[in-house]
Every structure is written in structure tokens, then in C-alpha cells.
C-alpha atoms as a PDB file:
ATOM      1  CA  UNK A   1     -16.204  -9.033  -7.484  1.00  0.00           C
ATOM      2  CA  UNK A   2     -16.233  -5.364  -6.114  1.00  0.00           C
ATOM      3  CA  UNK A   3     -13.215  -3.283  -5.251  1.00  0.00           C
ATOM      4  CA  UNK A   4     -13.745  -4.294  -1.278  1.00  0.00           C
ATOM      5  CA  UNK A   5     -13.982  -7.956  -1.688  1.00  0.00           C
ATOM      6  CA  UNK A   6     -11.118  -8.023  -4.081  1.00  0.00           C
ATOM      7  CA  UNK A   7      -8.605  -6.285  -1.735  1.00  0.00           C
ATOM      8  CA  UNK A   8      -9.811  -8.289   1.165  1.00  0.00           C
ATOM      9  CA  UNK A   9      -9.366 -11.669  -0.857  1.00  0.00           C
ATOM     10  CA  UNK A  10      -5.816 -10.271  -1.665  1.00  0.00           C
ATOM     11  CA  UNK A  11      -5.059  -9.833   2.191  1.00  0.00           C
ATOM     12  CA  UNK A  12      -5.979 -13.319   2.858  1.00  0.00           C
ATOM     13  CA  UNK A  13      -3.253 -14.148   0.295  1.00  0.00           C
ATOM     14  CA  UNK A  14      -0.784 -11.975   2.124  1.00  0.00           C
ATOM     15  CA  UNK A  15      -1.535 -13.418   5.482  1.00  0.00           C
ATOM     16  CA  UNK A  16      -1.224 -17.087   4.320  1.00  0.00           C
ATOM     17  CA  UNK A  17       2.184 -16.422   2.319  1.00  0.00           C
ATOM     18  CA  UNK A  18       3.736 -14.267   5.386  1.00  0.00           C
ATOM     19  CA  UNK A  19       2.952 -16.981   7.728  1.00  0.00           C
ATOM     20  CA  UNK A  20       4.236 -19.861   5.724  1.00  0.00           C
ATOM     21  CA  UNK A  21       7.376 -17.885   5.139  1.00  0.00           C
ATOM     22  CA  UNK A  22       8.010 -17.054   8.861  1.00  0.00           C
ATOM     23  CA  UNK A  23       7.994 -20.609   9.766  1.00  0.00           C
ATOM     24  CA  UNK A  24      10.327 -21.539   6.713  1.00  0.00           C
ATOM     25  CA  UNK A  25      12.955 -18.675   7.422  1.00  0.00           C
ATOM     26  CA  UNK A  26      12.983 -19.068  11.172  1.00  0.00           C
ATOM     27  CA  UNK A  27      13.564 -22.810  10.967  1.00  0.00           C
ATOM     28  CA  UNK A  28      16.230 -22.434   8.074  1.00  0.00           C
ATOM     29  CA  UNK A  29      17.866 -19.591   9.846  1.00  0.00           C
ATOM     30  CA  UNK A  30      18.290 -21.677  13.089  1.00  0.00           C
ATOM     31  CA  UNK A  31      19.423 -24.686  11.468  1.00  0.00           C
ATOM     32  CA  UNK A  32      21.592 -23.101   8.823  1.00  0.00           C
ATOM     33  CA  UNK A  33      23.555 -20.583  11.442  1.00  0.00           C
ATOM     34  CA  UNK A  34      22.081 -17.504   9.713  1.00  0.00           C
ATOM     35  CA  UNK A  35      20.854 -14.614  11.728  1.00  0.00           C
ATOM     36  CA  UNK A  36      20.079 -12.685   8.460  1.00  0.00           C
ATOM     37  CA  UNK A  37      17.266 -15.302   7.765  1.00  0.00           C
ATOM     38  CA  UNK A  38      16.275 -15.458  11.367  1.00  0.00           C
ATOM     39  CA  UNK A  39      16.008 -11.390  11.035  1.00  0.00           C
ATOM     40  CA  UNK A  40      14.112 -12.207   7.671  1.00  0.00           C
ATOM     41  CA  UNK A  41      11.797 -14.414   9.727  1.00  0.00           C
ATOM     42  CA  UNK A  42      11.219 -11.808  12.243  1.00  0.00           C
ATOM     43  CA  UNK A  43      10.146  -9.320   9.555  1.00  0.00           C
ATOM     44  CA  UNK A  44       7.686 -11.764   7.967  1.00  0.00           C
ATOM     45  CA  UNK A  45       6.263 -12.375  11.451  1.00  0.00           C
ATOM     46  CA  UNK A  46       5.508  -8.559  11.702  1.00  0.00           C
ATOM     47  CA  UNK A  47       4.219  -8.856   8.114  1.00  0.00           C
ATOM     48  CA  UNK A  48       1.394 -11.382   9.393  1.00  0.00           C
ATOM     49  CA  UNK A  49       0.316  -8.956  11.900  1.00  0.00           C
ATOM     50  CA  UNK A  50       0.204  -6.008   9.733  1.00  0.00           C
ATOM     51  CA  UNK A  51      -1.572  -7.751   6.941  1.00  0.00           C
ATOM     52  CA  UNK A  52      -4.061  -8.861   9.651  1.00  0.00           C
ATOM     53  CA  UNK A  53      -4.594  -5.076  10.555  1.00  0.00           C
ATOM     54  CA  UNK A  54      -4.957  -4.111   6.811  1.00  0.00           C
ATOM     55  CA  UNK A  55      -7.591  -7.075   6.646  1.00  0.00           C
ATOM     56  CA  UNK A  56      -9.437  -5.445   9.609  1.00  0.00           C
ATOM     57  CA  UNK A  57      -9.180  -1.894   8.017  1.00  0.00           C
ATOM     58  CA  UNK A  58     -10.585  -3.172   4.798  1.00  0.00           C
ATOM     59  CA  UNK A  59     -13.450  -4.631   6.310  1.00  0.00           C
ATOM     60  CA  UNK A  60     -14.268  -1.687   8.428  1.00  0.00           C
ATOM     61  CA  UNK A  61     -13.914   0.528   5.497  1.00  0.00           C
ATOM     62  CA  UNK A  62     -16.652  -1.483   3.592  1.00  0.00           C
ATOM     63  CA  UNK A  63     -19.214  -0.055   5.953  1.00  0.00           C
ATOM     64  CA  UNK A  64     -21.885   2.223   4.387  1.00  0.00           C
ATOM     65  CA  UNK A  65     -22.048   6.101   4.807  1.00  0.00           C
ATOM     66  CA  UNK A  66     -24.331   6.913   8.105  1.00  0.00           C
ATOM     67  CA  UNK A  67     -25.304   9.733  10.021  1.00  0.00           C
ATOM     68  CA  UNK A  68     -22.092  10.092  11.786  1.00  0.00           C
ATOM     69  CA  UNK A  69     -20.062   9.216   8.717  1.00  0.00           C
ATOM     70  CA  UNK A  70     -21.580  10.801   5.772  1.00  0.00           C
ATOM     71  CA  UNK A  71     -18.684  10.238   3.464  1.00  0.00           C
ATOM     72  CA  UNK A  72     -18.449   6.404   4.673  1.00  0.00           C
ATOM     73  CA  UNK A  73     -15.635   4.778   6.732  1.00  0.00           C
ATOM     74  CA  UNK A  74     -12.849   4.789   4.169  1.00  0.00           C
ATOM     75  CA  UNK A  75     -10.383   7.231   6.081  1.00  0.00           C
ATOM     76  CA  UNK A  76      -9.710   4.201   8.303  1.00  0.00           C
ATOM     77  CA  UNK A  77      -7.313   2.862   5.576  1.00  0.00           C
ATOM     78  CA  UNK A  78      -4.548   5.540   5.803  1.00  0.00           C
ATOM     79  CA  UNK A  79      -4.814   5.256   9.536  1.00  0.00           C
ATOM     80  CA  UNK A  80      -4.135   1.385   8.963  1.00  0.00           C
ATOM     81  CA  UNK A  81      -1.408   2.506   6.593  1.00  0.00           C
ATOM     82  CA  UNK A  82       0.250   4.512   9.474  1.00  0.00           C
ATOM     83  CA  UNK A  83       0.040   1.203  11.875  1.00  0.00           C
ATOM     84  CA  UNK A  84       1.794  -0.839   9.028  1.00  0.00           C
ATOM     85  CA  UNK A  85       4.541   1.520   8.926  1.00  0.00           C
ATOM     86  CA  UNK A  86       4.968   1.350  12.538  1.00  0.00           C
ATOM     87  CA  UNK A  87       5.289  -2.364  12.251  1.00  0.00           C
ATOM     88  CA  UNK A  88       7.845  -1.664   9.594  1.00  0.00           C
ATOM     89  CA  UNK A  89       9.758   0.718  11.676  1.00  0.00           C
ATOM     90  CA  UNK A  90       9.829  -1.408  14.962  1.00  0.00           C
ATOM     91  CA  UNK A  91      10.841  -4.692  12.714  1.00  0.00           C
ATOM     92  CA  UNK A  92      13.729  -2.386  11.304  1.00  0.00           C
ATOM     93  CA  UNK A  93      14.870  -1.341  14.737  1.00  0.00           C
ATOM     94  CA  UNK A  94      14.990  -4.955  16.117  1.00  0.00           C
ATOM     95  CA  UNK A  95      16.900  -6.476  13.139  1.00  0.00           C
ATOM     96  CA  UNK A  96      19.494  -3.484  13.308  1.00  0.00           C
ATOM     97  CA  UNK A  97      19.980  -3.974  17.203  1.00  0.00           C
ATOM     98  CA  UNK A  98      20.093  -7.771  16.882  1.00  0.00           C
ATOM     99  CA  UNK A  99      22.575  -7.504  13.870  1.00  0.00           C
ATOM    100  CA  UNK A 100      24.696  -5.137  15.750  1.00  0.00           C
ATOM    101  CA  UNK A 101      25.060  -7.864  18.758  1.00  0.00           C
ATOM    102  CA  UNK A 102      25.742 -10.556  16.196  1.00  0.00           C
ATOM    103  CA  UNK A 103      28.640  -8.838  14.742  1.00  0.00           C
ATOM    104  CA  UNK A 104      30.258  -8.471  17.900  1.00  0.00           C
ATOM    105  CA  UNK A 105      29.769 -12.328  18.956  1.00  0.00           C
ATOM    106  CA  UNK A 106      31.880 -14.978  17.104  1.00  0.00           C
ATOM    107  CA  UNK A 107      29.546 -17.556  15.513  1.00  0.00           C
ATOM    108  CA  UNK A 108      29.506 -20.165  12.748  1.00  0.00           C
ATOM    109  CA  UNK A 109      29.792 -19.667   8.813  1.00  0.00           C
ATOM    110  CA  UNK A 110      25.847 -20.258   7.349  1.00  0.00           C
ATOM    111  CA  UNK A 111      25.180 -23.599   5.757  1.00  0.00           C
ATOM    112  CA  UNK A 112      25.318 -23.611   2.020  1.00  0.00           C
ATOM    113  CA  UNK A 113      21.860 -24.931   1.588  1.00  0.00           C
ATOM    114  CA  UNK A 114      20.479 -21.630   3.054  1.00  0.00           C
ATOM    115  CA  UNK A 115      21.176 -19.631  -0.144  1.00  0.00           C
ATOM    116  CA  UNK A 116      18.673 -22.078  -2.108  1.00  0.00           C
ATOM    117  CA  UNK A 117      16.016 -21.490   0.687  1.00  0.00           C
ATOM    118  CA  UNK A 118      16.855 -17.582   0.151  1.00  0.00           C
ATOM    119  CA  UNK A 119      16.288 -17.857  -3.705  1.00  0.00           C
ATOM    120  CA  UNK A 120      13.255 -19.408  -3.550  1.00  0.00           C
ATOM    121  CA  UNK A 121      11.940 -16.844  -0.916  1.00  0.00           C
ATOM    122  CA  UNK A 122      13.102 -13.876  -3.025  1.00  0.00           C
ATOM    123  CA  UNK A 123      11.227 -15.276  -6.247  1.00  0.00           C
ATOM    124  CA  UNK A 124       8.054 -15.896  -4.139  1.00  0.00           C
ATOM    125  CA  UNK A 125       8.189 -12.415  -2.203  1.00  0.00           C
ATOM    126  CA  UNK A 126       8.798 -10.612  -5.764  1.00  0.00           C
ATOM    127  CA  UNK A 127       5.765 -12.438  -7.078  1.00  0.00           C
ATOM    128  CA  UNK A 128       3.711 -11.629  -4.103  1.00  0.00           C
ATOM    129  CA  UNK A 129       4.637  -8.076  -4.315  1.00  0.00           C
ATOM    130  CA  UNK A 130       3.684  -7.888  -8.042  1.00  0.00           C
ATOM    131  CA  UNK A 131       0.260  -9.363  -7.231  1.00  0.00           C
ATOM    132  CA  UNK A 132      -0.522  -7.365  -4.140  1.00  0.00           C
ATOM    133  CA  UNK A 133       0.588  -4.186  -5.860  1.00  0.00           C
ATOM    134  CA  UNK A 134      -1.547  -4.760  -9.007  1.00  0.00           C
ATOM    135  CA  UNK A 135      -4.629  -5.246  -6.910  1.00  0.00           C
ATOM    136  CA  UNK A 136      -3.956  -2.189  -4.836  1.00  0.00           C
ATOM    137  CA  UNK A 137      -3.804  -0.062  -7.937  1.00  0.00           C
ATOM    138  CA  UNK A 138      -7.061  -1.633  -9.165  1.00  0.00           C
ATOM    139  CA  UNK A 139      -8.805  -1.084  -5.876  1.00  0.00           C
ATOM    140  CA  UNK A 140      -7.059   2.378  -5.077  1.00  0.00           C
ATOM    141  CA  UNK A 141      -6.246   0.918  -1.537  1.00  0.00           C
ATOM    142  CA  UNK A 142      -3.395   2.723   0.380  1.00  0.00           C
ATOM    143  CA  UNK A 143      -3.505   0.099   2.826  1.00  0.00           C
ATOM    144  CA  UNK A 144      -3.046  -2.876   0.274  1.00  0.00           C
ATOM    145  CA  UNK A 145      -0.136  -0.781  -1.474  1.00  0.00           C
ATOM    146  CA  UNK A 146       1.333  -0.603   2.093  1.00  0.00           C
ATOM    147  CA  UNK A 147       0.908  -4.463   2.229  1.00  0.00           C
ATOM    148  CA  UNK A 148       2.470  -4.752  -1.254  1.00  0.00           C
ATOM    149  CA  UNK A 149       5.423  -2.822  -0.048  1.00  0.00           C
ATOM    150  CA  UNK A 150       5.753  -5.109   2.964  1.00  0.00           C
ATOM    151  CA  UNK A 151       6.356  -8.027   0.279  1.00  0.00           C
ATOM    152  CA  UNK A 152       8.929  -5.869  -1.682  1.00  0.00           C
ATOM    153  CA  UNK A 153      10.794  -4.876   1.321  1.00  0.00           C
ATOM    154  CA  UNK A 154      10.965  -8.503   2.352  1.00  0.00           C
ATOM    155  CA  UNK A 155      12.411  -9.522  -0.825  1.00  0.00           C
ATOM    156  CA  UNK A 156      15.080  -6.737  -0.404  1.00  0.00           C
ATOM    157  CA  UNK A 157      16.036  -8.129   2.863  1.00  0.00           C
ATOM    158  CA  UNK A 158      16.096 -11.671   1.418  1.00  0.00           C
ATOM    159  CA  UNK A 159      18.501 -10.357  -1.290  1.00  0.00           C
ATOM    160  CA  UNK A 160      20.849  -8.686   1.237  1.00  0.00           C
ATOM    161  CA  UNK A 161      20.830 -11.868   3.181  1.00  0.00           C
ATOM    162  CA  UNK A 162      21.658 -13.969  -0.055  1.00  0.00           C
ATOM    163  CA  UNK A 163      24.690 -11.546  -0.747  1.00  0.00           C
ATOM    164  CA  UNK A 164      26.007 -11.578   2.794  1.00  0.00           C
ATOM    165  CA  UNK A 165      25.769 -15.363   3.278  1.00  0.00           C
ATOM    166  CA  UNK A 166      27.372 -15.857  -0.219  1.00  0.00           C
ATOM    167  CA  UNK A 167      30.329 -13.551   0.880  1.00  0.00           C
ATOM    168  CA  UNK A 168      30.899 -15.698   4.191  1.00  0.00           C
ATOM    169  CA  UNK A 169      30.838 -18.844   2.439  1.00  0.00           C
ATOM    170  CA  UNK A 170      33.185 -17.609  -0.350  1.00  0.00           C
ATOM    171  CA  UNK A 171      35.633 -15.773   1.534  1.00  0.00           C
ATOM    172  CA  UNK A 172      35.385 -18.109   4.844  1.00  0.00           C
ATOM    173  CA  UNK A 173      36.882 -17.549   7.937  1.00  0.00           C
ATOM    174  CA  UNK A 174      36.879 -13.908   9.015  1.00  0.00           C
ATOM    175  CA  UNK A 175      33.745 -13.169   7.143  1.00  0.00           C
ATOM    176  CA  UNK A 176      31.336 -14.957   9.370  1.00  0.00           C
ATOM    177  CA  UNK A 177      29.565 -11.838  10.033  1.00  0.00           C
ATOM    178  CA  UNK A 178      28.661 -10.662   6.485  1.00  0.00           C
ATOM    179  CA  UNK A 179      25.287 -12.088   6.664  1.00  0.00           C
ATOM    180  CA  UNK A 180      24.704  -9.913   9.958  1.00  0.00           C
ATOM    181  CA  UNK A 181      26.070  -6.915   8.041  1.00  0.00           C
ATOM    182  CA  UNK A 182      23.520  -7.871   5.486  1.00  0.00           C
ATOM    183  CA  UNK A 183      20.668  -7.790   7.901  1.00  0.00           C
ATOM    184  CA  UNK A 184      21.775  -4.321   9.252  1.00  0.00           C
ATOM    185  CA  UNK A 185      21.711  -2.938   5.742  1.00  0.00           C
ATOM    186  CA  UNK A 186      18.099  -4.447   5.139  1.00  0.00           C
ATOM    187  CA  UNK A 187      17.010  -2.556   7.997  1.00  0.00           C
ATOM    188  CA  UNK A 188      17.979   0.538   6.324  1.00  0.00           C
ATOM    189  CA  UNK A 189      15.898  -0.565   3.215  1.00  0.00           C
ATOM    190  CA  UNK A 190      13.022  -1.314   5.620  1.00  0.00           C
ATOM    191  CA  UNK A 191      13.025   2.226   6.927  1.00  0.00           C
ATOM    192  CA  UNK A 192      13.523   3.833   3.634  1.00  0.00           C
ATOM    193  CA  UNK A 193      10.388   1.909   2.264  1.00  0.00           C
ATOM    194  CA  UNK A 194       8.517   2.854   5.459  1.00  0.00           C
ATOM    195  CA  UNK A 195       8.858   6.665   4.378  1.00  0.00           C
ATOM    196  CA  UNK A 196       7.578   5.720   0.844  1.00  0.00           C
ATOM    197  CA  UNK A 197       4.564   4.182   2.258  1.00  0.00           C
ATOM    198  CA  UNK A 198       3.833   6.670   5.018  1.00  0.00           C
ATOM    199  CA  UNK A 199       3.994   9.824   2.459  1.00  0.00           C
ATOM    200  CA  UNK A 200       1.392   9.077   0.348  1.00  0.00           C
ATOM    201  CA  UNK A 201      -0.932   7.962   3.055  1.00  0.00           C
ATOM    202  CA  UNK A 202      -0.506  11.246   4.882  1.00  0.00           C
ATOM    203  CA  UNK A 203      -1.253  13.191   1.815  1.00  0.00           C
ATOM    204  CA  UNK A 204      -4.670  11.225   1.638  1.00  0.00           C
ATOM    205  CA  UNK A 205      -5.591  11.909   5.182  1.00  0.00           C
ATOM    206  CA  UNK A 206      -4.762  15.487   4.942  1.00  0.00           C
ATOM    207  CA  UNK A 207      -6.874  15.799   1.631  1.00  0.00           C
ATOM    208  CA  UNK A 208      -3.670  16.923  -0.019  1.00  0.00           C
ATOM    209  CA  UNK A 209      -4.076  17.636  -3.657  1.00  0.00           C
ATOM    210  CA  UNK A 210      -2.626  14.701  -5.577  1.00  0.00           C
ATOM    211  CA  UNK A 211      -4.941  14.011  -8.474  1.00  0.00           C
ATOM    212  CA  UNK A 212      -4.572  15.936 -11.804  1.00  0.00           C
ATOM    213  CA  UNK A 213      -4.963  13.208 -14.160  1.00  0.00           C
ATOM    214  CA  UNK A 214      -8.378  12.341 -12.477  1.00  0.00           C
ATOM    215  CA  UNK A 215      -9.324  15.874 -12.400  1.00  0.00           C
ATOM    216  CA  UNK A 216      -8.634  16.028 -16.249  1.00  0.00           C
ATOM    217  CA  UNK A 217     -10.666  13.118 -16.723  1.00  0.00           C
ATOM    218  CA  UNK A 218     -13.811  14.516 -14.717  1.00  0.00           C
ATOM    219  CA  UNK A 219     -13.443  17.713 -16.832  1.00  0.00           C
ATOM    220  CA  UNK A 220     -13.584  15.733 -20.151  1.00  0.00           C
ATOM    221  CA  UNK A 221     -16.636  13.423 -19.067  1.00  0.00           C
ATOM    222  CA  UNK A 222     -18.354  16.657 -18.210  1.00  0.00           C
ATOM    223  CA  UNK A 223     -18.172  18.231 -21.428  1.00  0.00           C
ATOM    224  CA  UNK A 224     -19.696  15.087 -22.961  1.00  0.00           C
ATOM    225  CA  UNK A 225     -23.046  15.819 -21.233  1.00  0.00           C
ATOM    226  CA  UNK A 226     -25.489  18.136 -23.312  1.00  0.00           C
ATOM    227  CA  UNK A 227     -26.051  21.463 -21.749  1.00  0.00           C
ATOM    228  CA  UNK A 228     -22.834  21.557 -19.576  1.00  0.00           C
ATOM    229  CA  UNK A 229     -20.499  24.423 -21.199  1.00  0.00           C
ATOM    230  CA  UNK A 230     -17.600  23.937 -19.236  1.00  0.00           C
ATOM    231  CA  UNK A 231     -16.364  23.295 -15.738  1.00  0.00           C
ATOM    232  CA  UNK A 232     -14.527  25.577 -13.089  1.00  0.00           C
ATOM    233  CA  UNK A 233     -13.320  24.430  -9.607  1.00  0.00           C
ATOM    234  CA  UNK A 234     -12.691  20.775  -9.126  1.00  0.00           C
ATOM    235  CA  UNK A 235     -11.741  19.289  -5.829  1.00  0.00           C
ATOM    236  CA  UNK A 236     -11.078  15.637  -4.892  1.00  0.00           C
ATOM    237  CA  UNK A 237     -10.848  13.997  -1.559  1.00  0.00           C
ATOM    238  CA  UNK A 238     -10.017  10.371  -1.153  1.00  0.00           C
ATOM    239  CA  UNK A 239     -11.808   8.338   1.187  1.00  0.00           C
ATOM    240  CA  UNK A 240     -10.889   4.316   1.044  1.00  0.00           C
ATOM    241  CA  UNK A 241     -11.424   3.283  -2.342  1.00  0.00           C
ATOM    242  CA  UNK A 242     -13.395   6.243  -3.469  1.00  0.00           C
ATOM    243  CA  UNK A 243     -12.942   9.689  -4.579  1.00  0.00           C
ATOM    244  CA  UNK A 244     -15.267  12.450  -3.661  1.00  0.00           C
ATOM    245  CA  UNK A 245     -15.731  15.194  -6.041  1.00  0.00           C
ATOM    246  CA  UNK A 246     -16.825  18.822  -5.571  1.00  0.00           C
ATOM    247  CA  UNK A 247     -17.456  20.366  -9.077  1.00  0.00           C
ATOM    248  CA  UNK A 248     -18.519  23.800 -10.454  1.00  0.00           C
ATOM    249  CA  UNK A 249     -20.162  23.165 -13.813  1.00  0.00           C
ATOM    250  CA  UNK A 250     -20.927  26.155 -16.166  1.00  0.00           C
ATOM    251  CA  UNK A 251     -24.811  25.983 -17.846  1.00  0.00           C
ATOM    252  CA  UNK A 252     -26.382  28.458 -20.024  1.00  0.00           C
ATOM    253  CA  UNK A 253     -27.596  31.270 -17.786  1.00  0.00           C
ATOM    254  CA  UNK A 254     -30.910  31.516 -19.307  1.00  0.00           C
ATOM    255  CA  UNK A 255     -31.834  28.118 -17.982  1.00  0.00           C
ATOM    256  CA  UNK A 256     -34.669  27.781 -15.486  1.00  0.00           C
ATOM    257  CA  UNK A 257     -33.578  26.684 -12.055  1.00  0.00           C
ATOM    258  CA  UNK A 258     -35.078  23.027 -12.299  1.00  0.00           C
ATOM    259  CA  UNK A 259     -33.388  22.563 -15.653  1.00  0.00           C
ATOM    260  CA  UNK A 260     -30.085  23.630 -14.126  1.00  0.00           C
ATOM    261  CA  UNK A 261     -31.092  21.037 -11.450  1.00  0.00           C
ATOM    262  CA  UNK A 262     -31.847  18.241 -13.936  1.00  0.00           C
ATOM    263  CA  UNK A 263     -28.628  18.767 -15.683  1.00  0.00           C
ATOM    264  CA  UNK A 264     -26.560  18.636 -12.395  1.00  0.00           C
ATOM    265  CA  UNK A 265     -27.787  15.147 -11.737  1.00  0.00           C
ATOM    266  CA  UNK A 266     -27.368  14.143 -15.491  1.00  0.00           C
ATOM    267  CA  UNK A 267     -23.722  15.099 -14.941  1.00  0.00           C
ATOM    268  CA  UNK A 268     -23.493  12.980 -11.694  1.00  0.00           C
ATOM    269  CA  UNK A 269     -24.877  10.001 -13.494  1.00  0.00           C
ATOM    270  CA  UNK A 270     -22.395  10.407 -16.504  1.00  0.00           C
ATOM    271  CA  UNK A 271     -19.764  10.808 -14.046  1.00  0.00           C
ATOM    272  CA  UNK A 272     -20.491   7.779 -12.122  1.00  0.00           C
ATOM    273  CA  UNK A 273     -20.960   5.619 -15.114  1.00  0.00           C
ATOM    274  CA  UNK A 274     -17.618   6.582 -16.710  1.00  0.00           C
ATOM    275  CA  UNK A 275     -15.425   6.612 -13.434  1.00  0.00           C
ATOM    276  CA  UNK A 276     -16.675   4.064 -11.232  1.00  0.00           C
ATOM    277  CA  UNK A 277     -13.976   4.883  -8.576  1.00  0.00           C
ATOM    278  CA  UNK A 278     -16.024   8.192  -7.898  1.00  0.00           C
ATOM    279  CA  UNK A 279     -17.967   8.452  -4.640  1.00  0.00           C
ATOM    280  CA  UNK A 280     -19.868  11.490  -3.538  1.00  0.00           C
ATOM    281  CA  UNK A 281     -20.315  13.897  -5.911  1.00  0.00           C
ATOM    282  CA  UNK A 282     -21.463  17.522  -5.521  1.00  0.00           C
ATOM    283  CA  UNK A 283     -22.207  19.657  -8.365  1.00  0.00           C
ATOM    284  CA  UNK A 284     -22.585  23.744  -8.107  1.00  0.00           C
ATOM    285  CA  UNK A 285     -24.041  24.944 -11.146  1.00  0.00           C
ATOM    286  CA  UNK A 286     -22.764  28.333 -12.459  1.00  0.00           C
ATOM    287  CA  UNK A 287     -24.257  30.464 -15.245  1.00  0.00           C
ATOM    288  CA  UNK A 288     -22.421  31.538 -18.043  1.00  0.00           C
ATOM    289  CA  UNK A 289     -21.100  35.059 -18.132  1.00  0.00           C
ATOM    290  CA  UNK A 290     -23.312  37.690 -19.621  1.00  0.00           C
END
């Protein structure tokens, strides 16, 4: 299974999990008198739509390069990530607004059993986060990384809801709004996570230099090719799950043009074999100093 197919399969997992949790949280929140759970259900619902966006983006990014898109269609990934962040910000705003309204409105203490529901949700969402973040690292997918952070932010809101409900149950009358305060706190965590997701995606779309480790690996592999004396400039841009490289390779200045050309192709082949995540590789041949 290639990276694209693996990422798409992982997104289906996210959609199914978020849909199921949204229903469980919503029903438990209504029956258990917990707005924190209802707020949690709202976030899981937005997670479903954002995961669908990620899925559509990954499918589009799979398209091969064409005349109008010589570097492929991978730049759709950070754009999808921006939309996912938008979903997170909107859900945080709604949760914060509704929490403030509920804090000002007298209501019943949440049911004890809602704590058991939340405990199970926290465990599941953390497992989901670890599964998806691992796949995002394996596939170099920024949008899948954003989807993983959706799972983590969901786990955080569930933790705050658990604490809020526990306080309301332990201290009783006068603390009924504890879970509403918990939901308000959770909205702040969601906004913070939104920035953590947004920042690397912005760097990706702006072709920001963020790949020192990969450049070091490229230089090491280059020196294993017989005839390559050294390397100079190395620039990398990320598009989807691939890294496109512009590399200056130094060769013996006495070589013929044809031999220099052949060496460039040998270097491209060696880099692709050693680092499968590389996409287009442009080699500029430089002669050694006289």
C-alpha cells in the first residue's frame, strides 16, 4: 500500500470514529444533563466534516502531474488543512458562546454515569490520535496531521468535561456550572491546537525552509554515487506527501558534457532509491574548482 492509499484509509477510520462518538456524546449529554458532553458532541460533528474535507483533499492530491500542474496536485493538502483549522476555530467559538450562556442559566447537576462515558471516550480518542499521527508521519501528510490533532483536541475537551462534571458531583449544589466552565476552558485548548496545526501548513504553502535533516540525508546519499565530489545548494519544497529537490552537484571539471549528464541521472536514481518520499529532483552539475 502506497502513502496516498494509507492516508486515505486512515481518514475513513477517522470519519467512522467521529460519527459514532458524536452520536454517543450527544445522547449522553442530553440524558445526563451535561453541556460539556453536548459541546464535545458538537466538536465531534465538526470533526466528521473536517475529516471528509481531508479525504477529498487526499484523493485530489493523488492525481498525477499534468501540463498545468507539473509538480502534481499536492498543494491542496495545506489548503485543506486551513479549512480544517477553520472548522476548529468555529467549533471553539460556538462552544465558548454556548458555555457562557449555560453558566448564566440555572440547571441540574450532570448524572454520575456520564463520567464513565467520558472515561471511555478519552481512552478511545487518545488511541485514535496515536494511530492517525503515526500515519501522518509515515505518509508526510499535513492534512492527516491536522486530522490527528482533531482527535487530540477532542480528548482534551473530554478531559476538561470529566474534571468539570466530577467537581459538580463532588461539591454538589452551587457547582452545577462546573462542566460549563470546563467546556469554556476546552474551547481555549481547541484554539491553541488550531494554531499548532495552522503554522506548519502555512510554512508548507510558502515553501519555508524546514527540512535540514532531509537535506543532510540527501547530501550523504549523493556522496555515495561514484563521480559526485560534493554538493552545494540544496533547496526543498513540499507538495502533498512528496519533497521536490533542487540540488547542485560538484563533479570533475574535465568530464565530458555527456558524462556529467549521465552522472546527474545516476544521482537522481540513487536519491529516489534511498529516499522514496522524494518527488521531482533537479540536478545542476557544477565543475570542481581549477
